[in-house]
Amino acid sequence: MGKITFVAHDNTEHVAEFEAGVSLMQIAVDNAIPGIDGDCGGECACGTCHVIVAADWFKKTGTPSDDEEQMLSMTPERAKTSRLGCQVHTTEAMDGMTVHLPEFQM
């Protein structure tokens, strides 16, 4: 088990436990983290699970696919370390990771 901290736009922190292999979106939904909707159920088709990964953790999230890049290109609050939570599957190396949530989801 590991822990990930989701930081809301108002800087409220929500710590959630996870098991490796589960997506950031699913962890957020399972823990009722406000600001993550996951409307498409993790199909990389809606952009409602946008997270901004802390820079020192970004490389651990892997490389975004072309589909993810296309969805992120429509996100007004996109940052250099933006990812869709549904596309980031956790590993044990992500224990302690922090992700920030944008003010608005698509």
N, C-alpha and C. Protein backbone atom coordinates (compact mmCIF):
# COMPACT_ATOMS: atom_id res chain seq x y z
N MET A 1 0.83 -1.19 0.00
CA MET A 1 0.00 0.00 0.00
C MET A 1 0.87 1.25 0.00
N GLY A 2 0.43 2.23 -0.76
CA GLY A 2 1.11 3.50 -0.79
C GLY A 2 0.12 4.62 -0.56
N LYS A 3 0.61 5.85 -0.54
CA LYS A 3 -0.25 7.01 -0.35
C LYS A 3 0.07 8.05 -1.41
N ILE A 4 -0.99 8.67 -1.91
CA ILE A 4 -0.88 9.78 -2.86
C ILE A 4 -1.66 10.94 -2.28
N THR A 5 -1.10 12.14 -2.40
CA THR A 5 -1.79 13.34 -1.94
C THR A 5 -2.34 14.09 -3.14
N PHE A 6 -3.65 14.32 -3.11
CA PHE A 6 -4.34 15.13 -4.12
C PHE A 6 -4.53 16.50 -3.49
N VAL A 7 -4.04 17.53 -4.17
CA VAL A 7 -4.15 18.90 -3.66
C VAL A 7 -5.16 19.65 -4.52
N ALA A 8 -6.27 20.03 -3.91
CA ALA A 8 -7.33 20.75 -4.61
C ALA A 8 -6.86 22.16 -4.97
N HIS A 9 -7.63 22.81 -5.86
CA HIS A 9 -7.28 24.16 -6.31
C HIS A 9 -7.16 25.14 -5.14
N ASP A 10 -7.94 24.90 -4.06
CA ASP A 10 -7.90 25.78 -2.90
C ASP A 10 -6.83 25.36 -1.88
N ASN A 11 -5.93 24.45 -2.30
CA ASN A 11 -4.82 23.93 -1.50
C ASN A 11 -5.24 22.96 -0.40
N THR A 12 -6.49 22.51 -0.41
CA THR A 12 -6.91 21.47 0.52
C THR A 12 -6.27 20.15 0.09
N GLU A 13 -5.67 19.46 1.03
CA GLU A 13 -5.01 18.20 0.72
C GLU A 13 -5.89 17.01 1.09
N HIS A 14 -5.92 16.02 0.20
CA HIS A 14 -6.65 14.78 0.42
C HIS A 14 -5.66 13.64 0.20
N VAL A 15 -5.40 12.86 1.24
CA VAL A 15 -4.47 11.75 1.14
C VAL A 15 -5.27 10.47 0.93
N ALA A 16 -4.86 9.70 -0.07
CA ALA A 16 -5.55 8.45 -0.38
C ALA A 16 -4.55 7.31 -0.46
N GLU A 17 -4.93 6.17 0.07
CA GLU A 17 -4.09 4.98 -0.04
C GLU A 17 -4.38 4.30 -1.38
N PHE A 18 -3.37 3.60 -1.88
CA PHE A 18 -3.55 2.90 -3.16
C PHE A 18 -2.77 1.60 -3.18
N GLU A 19 -3.20 0.73 -4.06
CA GLU A 19 -2.45 -0.48 -4.38
C GLU A 19 -1.90 -0.31 -5.79
N ALA A 20 -0.70 -0.73 -6.02
CA ALA A 20 -0.06 -0.59 -7.33
C ALA A 20 -0.94 -1.18 -8.42
N GLY A 21 -0.97 -0.48 -9.56
CA GLY A 21 -1.72 -0.93 -10.72
C GLY A 21 -3.03 -0.21 -10.93
N VAL A 22 -3.50 0.49 -9.91
CA VAL A 22 -4.76 1.23 -10.00
C VAL A 22 -4.46 2.63 -10.56
N SER A 23 -5.35 3.15 -11.40
CA SER A 23 -5.12 4.48 -11.99
C SER A 23 -5.35 5.58 -10.95
N LEU A 24 -4.73 6.72 -11.18
CA LEU A 24 -4.95 7.87 -10.31
C LEU A 24 -6.42 8.26 -10.30
N MET A 25 -7.09 8.17 -11.46
CA MET A 25 -8.51 8.50 -11.53
C MET A 25 -9.32 7.58 -10.62
N GLN A 26 -9.05 6.29 -10.68
CA GLN A 26 -9.81 5.33 -9.89
C GLN A 26 -9.57 5.54 -8.40
N ILE A 27 -8.35 5.84 -8.03
CA ILE A 27 -8.04 6.12 -6.63
C ILE A 27 -8.85 7.33 -6.17
N ALA A 28 -8.86 8.38 -6.97
CA ALA A 28 -9.60 9.59 -6.62
C ALA A 28 -11.10 9.32 -6.51
N VAL A 29 -11.66 8.61 -7.47
CA VAL A 29 -13.09 8.30 -7.46
C VAL A 29 -13.43 7.43 -6.25
N ASP A 30 -12.64 6.39 -6.01
CA ASP A 30 -12.90 5.48 -4.89
C ASP A 30 -12.82 6.18 -3.54
N ASN A 31 -12.06 7.27 -3.48
CA ASN A 31 -11.89 8.01 -2.23
C ASN A 31 -12.66 9.32 -2.20
N ALA A 32 -13.57 9.50 -3.16
CA ALA A 32 -14.42 10.69 -3.23
C ALA A 32 -13.62 11.99 -3.17
N ILE A 33 -12.50 12.02 -3.92
CA ILE A 33 -11.67 13.22 -3.97
C ILE A 33 -12.42 14.26 -4.81
N PRO A 34 -12.76 15.40 -4.22
CA PRO A 34 -13.47 16.42 -4.99
C PRO A 34 -12.59 16.98 -6.10
N GLY A 35 -13.18 17.18 -7.27
CA GLY A 35 -12.45 17.75 -8.39
C GLY A 35 -12.04 16.75 -9.44
N ILE A 36 -12.24 15.47 -9.19
CA ILE A 36 -11.99 14.43 -10.19
C ILE A 36 -13.32 13.77 -10.49
N ASP A 37 -13.75 13.86 -11.75
CA ASP A 37 -15.04 13.29 -12.12
C ASP A 37 -14.91 11.92 -12.78
N GLY A 38 -14.01 11.79 -13.72
CA GLY A 38 -13.84 10.52 -14.42
C GLY A 38 -15.09 10.12 -15.18
N ASP A 39 -15.70 11.07 -15.88
CA ASP A 39 -16.98 10.84 -16.56
C ASP A 39 -16.95 9.69 -17.56
N CYS A 40 -15.83 9.47 -18.23
CA CYS A 40 -15.79 8.43 -19.26
C CYS A 40 -15.38 7.07 -18.69
N GLY A 41 -15.14 7.00 -17.39
CA GLY A 41 -14.78 5.73 -16.77
C GLY A 41 -13.37 5.27 -17.05
N GLY A 42 -12.52 6.18 -17.48
CA GLY A 42 -11.12 5.82 -17.70
C GLY A 42 -10.76 5.48 -19.12
N GLU A 43 -11.56 5.92 -20.07
CA GLU A 43 -11.33 5.61 -21.49
C GLU A 43 -10.53 6.67 -22.24
N CYS A 44 -10.01 7.67 -21.53
CA CYS A 44 -9.23 8.74 -22.16
C CYS A 44 -10.07 9.49 -23.19
N ALA A 45 -11.34 9.72 -22.83
CA ALA A 45 -12.25 10.32 -23.80
C ALA A 45 -12.95 11.58 -23.29
N CYS A 46 -12.61 12.06 -22.09
CA CYS A 46 -13.37 13.22 -21.61
C CYS A 46 -12.51 14.30 -20.96
N GLY A 47 -11.40 13.97 -20.37
CA GLY A 47 -10.54 14.98 -19.74
C GLY A 47 -10.99 15.42 -18.38
N THR A 48 -11.94 14.72 -17.73
CA THR A 48 -12.43 15.16 -16.42
C THR A 48 -11.64 14.55 -15.26
N CYS A 49 -10.46 14.05 -15.57
CA CYS A 49 -9.57 13.53 -14.51
C CYS A 49 -8.19 14.16 -14.64
N HIS A 50 -8.15 15.37 -15.15
CA HIS A 50 -6.90 16.10 -15.35
C HIS A 50 -6.22 16.32 -14.00
N VAL A 51 -4.96 15.95 -13.93
CA VAL A 51 -4.14 16.22 -12.75
C VAL A 51 -2.84 16.86 -13.20
N ILE A 52 -2.26 17.63 -12.31
CA ILE A 52 -0.96 18.24 -12.58
C ILE A 52 0.01 17.62 -11.58
N VAL A 53 0.91 16.82 -12.09
CA VAL A 53 1.83 16.05 -11.27
C VAL A 53 2.97 16.96 -10.81
N ALA A 54 3.34 16.84 -9.56
CA ALA A 54 4.49 17.59 -9.06
C ALA A 54 5.70 17.24 -9.93
N ALA A 55 6.49 18.25 -10.28
CA ALA A 55 7.58 18.08 -11.24
C ALA A 55 8.53 16.94 -10.90
N ASP A 56 8.86 16.79 -9.62
CA ASP A 56 9.81 15.75 -9.25
C ASP A 56 9.23 14.34 -9.35
N TRP A 57 7.94 14.21 -9.57
CA TRP A 57 7.29 12.91 -9.73
C TRP A 57 6.91 12.61 -11.18
N PHE A 58 6.96 13.60 -12.03
CA PHE A 58 6.41 13.47 -13.39
C PHE A 58 7.00 12.29 -14.17
N LYS A 59 8.29 12.11 -14.12
CA LYS A 59 8.92 11.02 -14.90
C LYS A 59 8.41 9.65 -14.48
N LYS A 60 7.97 9.51 -13.25
CA LYS A 60 7.48 8.22 -12.76
C LYS A 60 6.10 7.87 -13.34
N THR A 61 5.44 8.84 -14.00
CA THR A 61 4.09 8.59 -14.52
C THR A 61 4.10 8.01 -15.93
N GLY A 62 5.25 7.90 -16.55
CA GLY A 62 5.32 7.35 -17.91
C GLY A 62 5.14 8.43 -18.96
N THR A 63 4.96 7.99 -20.19
CA THR A 63 4.83 8.90 -21.32
C THR A 63 3.38 8.94 -21.80
N PRO A 64 2.81 10.14 -21.94
CA PRO A 64 1.43 10.24 -22.43
C PRO A 64 1.31 9.71 -23.86
N SER A 65 0.22 9.02 -24.13
CA SER A 65 -0.06 8.53 -25.48
C SER A 65 -0.53 9.69 -26.36
N ASP A 66 -0.62 9.45 -27.65
CA ASP A 66 -1.13 10.48 -28.56
C ASP A 66 -2.57 10.85 -28.21
N ASP A 67 -3.39 9.87 -27.85
CA ASP A 67 -4.78 10.15 -27.47
C ASP A 67 -4.84 11.04 -26.23
N GLU A 68 -3.99 10.75 -25.25
CA GLU A 68 -3.96 11.57 -24.04
C GLU A 68 -3.49 12.99 -24.37
N GLU A 69 -2.46 13.10 -25.20
CA GLU A 69 -1.97 14.42 -25.61
C GLU A 69 -3.07 15.22 -26.29
N GLN A 70 -3.86 14.55 -27.12
CA GLN A 70 -4.95 15.24 -27.82
C GLN A 70 -6.00 15.75 -26.81
N MET A 71 -6.35 14.93 -25.83
CA MET A 71 -7.32 15.37 -24.81
C MET A 71 -6.75 16.52 -23.99
N LEU A 72 -5.49 16.41 -23.60
CA LEU A 72 -4.87 17.47 -22.81
C LEU A 72 -4.74 18.78 -23.59
N SER A 73 -4.63 18.69 -24.90
CA SER A 73 -4.49 19.91 -25.72
C SER A 73 -5.75 20.78 -25.65
N MET A 74 -6.86 20.20 -25.25
CA MET A 74 -8.11 20.96 -25.14
C MET A 74 -8.36 21.48 -23.73
N THR A 75 -7.42 21.23 -22.84
CA THR A 75 -7.58 21.62 -21.43
C THR A 75 -7.00 23.00 -21.21
N PRO A 76 -7.84 23.99 -20.84
CA PRO A 76 -7.33 25.36 -20.67
C PRO A 76 -6.30 25.51 -19.56
N GLU A 77 -6.33 24.66 -18.55
CA GLU A 77 -5.40 24.78 -17.44
C GLU A 77 -4.22 23.82 -17.55
N ARG A 78 -3.94 23.37 -18.76
CA ARG A 78 -2.84 22.44 -18.96
C ARG A 78 -1.52 23.04 -18.50
N ALA A 79 -0.74 22.20 -17.85
CA ALA A 79 0.59 22.59 -17.39
C ALA A 79 1.61 21.64 -18.02
N LYS A 80 2.87 21.96 -17.86
CA LYS A 80 3.93 21.12 -18.42
C LYS A 80 3.88 19.69 -17.89
N THR A 81 3.41 19.52 -16.65
CA THR A 81 3.36 18.19 -16.04
C THR A 81 1.92 17.66 -15.92
N SER A 82 1.04 18.09 -16.81
CA SER A 82 -0.34 17.61 -16.81
C SER A 82 -0.42 16.18 -17.32
N ARG A 83 -1.32 15.43 -16.73
CA ARG A 83 -1.65 14.07 -17.17
C ARG A 83 -3.14 13.87 -16.95
N LEU A 84 -3.69 12.89 -17.64
CA LEU A 84 -5.05 12.43 -17.33
C LEU A 84 -4.89 11.31 -16.31
N GLY A 85 -5.57 11.44 -15.19
CA GLY A 85 -5.43 10.46 -14.12
C GLY A 85 -5.77 9.05 -14.54
N CYS A 86 -6.67 8.91 -15.52
CA CYS A 86 -7.05 7.56 -15.97
C CYS A 86 -5.92 6.87 -16.72
N GLN A 87 -4.95 7.63 -17.18
CA GLN A 87 -3.85 7.07 -17.96
C GLN A 87 -2.58 6.83 -17.13
N VAL A 88 -2.62 7.19 -15.87
CA VAL A 88 -1.48 6.99 -14.99
C VAL A 88 -1.80 5.84 -14.04
N HIS A 89 -1.16 4.71 -14.28
CA HIS A 89 -1.36 3.54 -13.43
C HIS A 89 -0.23 3.52 -12.41
N THR A 90 -0.62 3.43 -11.17
CA THR A 90 0.33 3.57 -10.07
C THR A 90 1.30 2.39 -9.97
N THR A 91 2.46 2.72 -9.43
CA THR A 91 3.47 1.72 -9.10
C THR A 91 3.89 1.98 -7.65
N GLU A 92 4.60 1.04 -7.07
CA GLU A 92 5.07 1.22 -5.70
C GLU A 92 5.99 2.44 -5.60
N ALA A 93 6.65 2.78 -6.69
CA ALA A 93 7.56 3.94 -6.70
C ALA A 93 6.82 5.27 -6.57
N MET A 94 5.49 5.25 -6.69
CA MET A 94 4.70 6.48 -6.58
C MET A 94 4.23 6.76 -5.15
N ASP A 95 4.62 5.93 -4.20
CA ASP A 95 4.25 6.16 -2.81
C ASP A 95 4.78 7.51 -2.37
N GLY A 96 3.89 8.37 -1.91
CA GLY A 96 4.26 9.71 -1.47
C GLY A 96 4.08 10.79 -2.53
N MET A 97 3.64 10.41 -3.72
CA MET A 97 3.46 11.36 -4.82
C MET A 97 2.39 12.39 -4.49
N THR A 98 2.57 13.58 -5.02
CA THR A 98 1.60 14.66 -4.89
C THR A 98 1.13 15.07 -6.28
N VAL A 99 -0.19 15.21 -6.43
CA VAL A 99 -0.75 15.73 -7.67
C VAL A 99 -1.69 16.88 -7.32
N HIS A 100 -1.72 17.87 -8.17
CA HIS A 100 -2.58 19.03 -7.97
C HIS A 100 -3.75 18.94 -8.94
N LEU A 101 -4.89 19.45 -8.51
CA LEU A 101 -6.08 19.45 -9.34
C LEU A 101 -6.35 20.85 -9.86
N PRO A 102 -6.71 20.97 -11.13
CA PRO A 102 -7.02 22.28 -11.68
C PRO A 102 -8.31 22.82 -11.08
N GLU A 103 -8.54 24.11 -11.26
CA GLU A 103 -9.79 24.69 -10.73
C GLU A 103 -11.01 24.09 -11.43
N PHE A 104 -10.89 23.85 -12.74
CA PHE A 104 -12.01 23.32 -13.49
C PHE A 104 -11.58 22.11 -14.30
N GLN A 105 -12.45 21.13 -14.42
CA GLN A 105 -12.23 20.01 -15.32
C GLN A 105 -13.01 20.29 -16.60
N MET A 106 -12.62 19.64 -17.69
CA MET A 106 -13.30 19.86 -18.97
C MET A 106 -14.73 19.38 -18.92
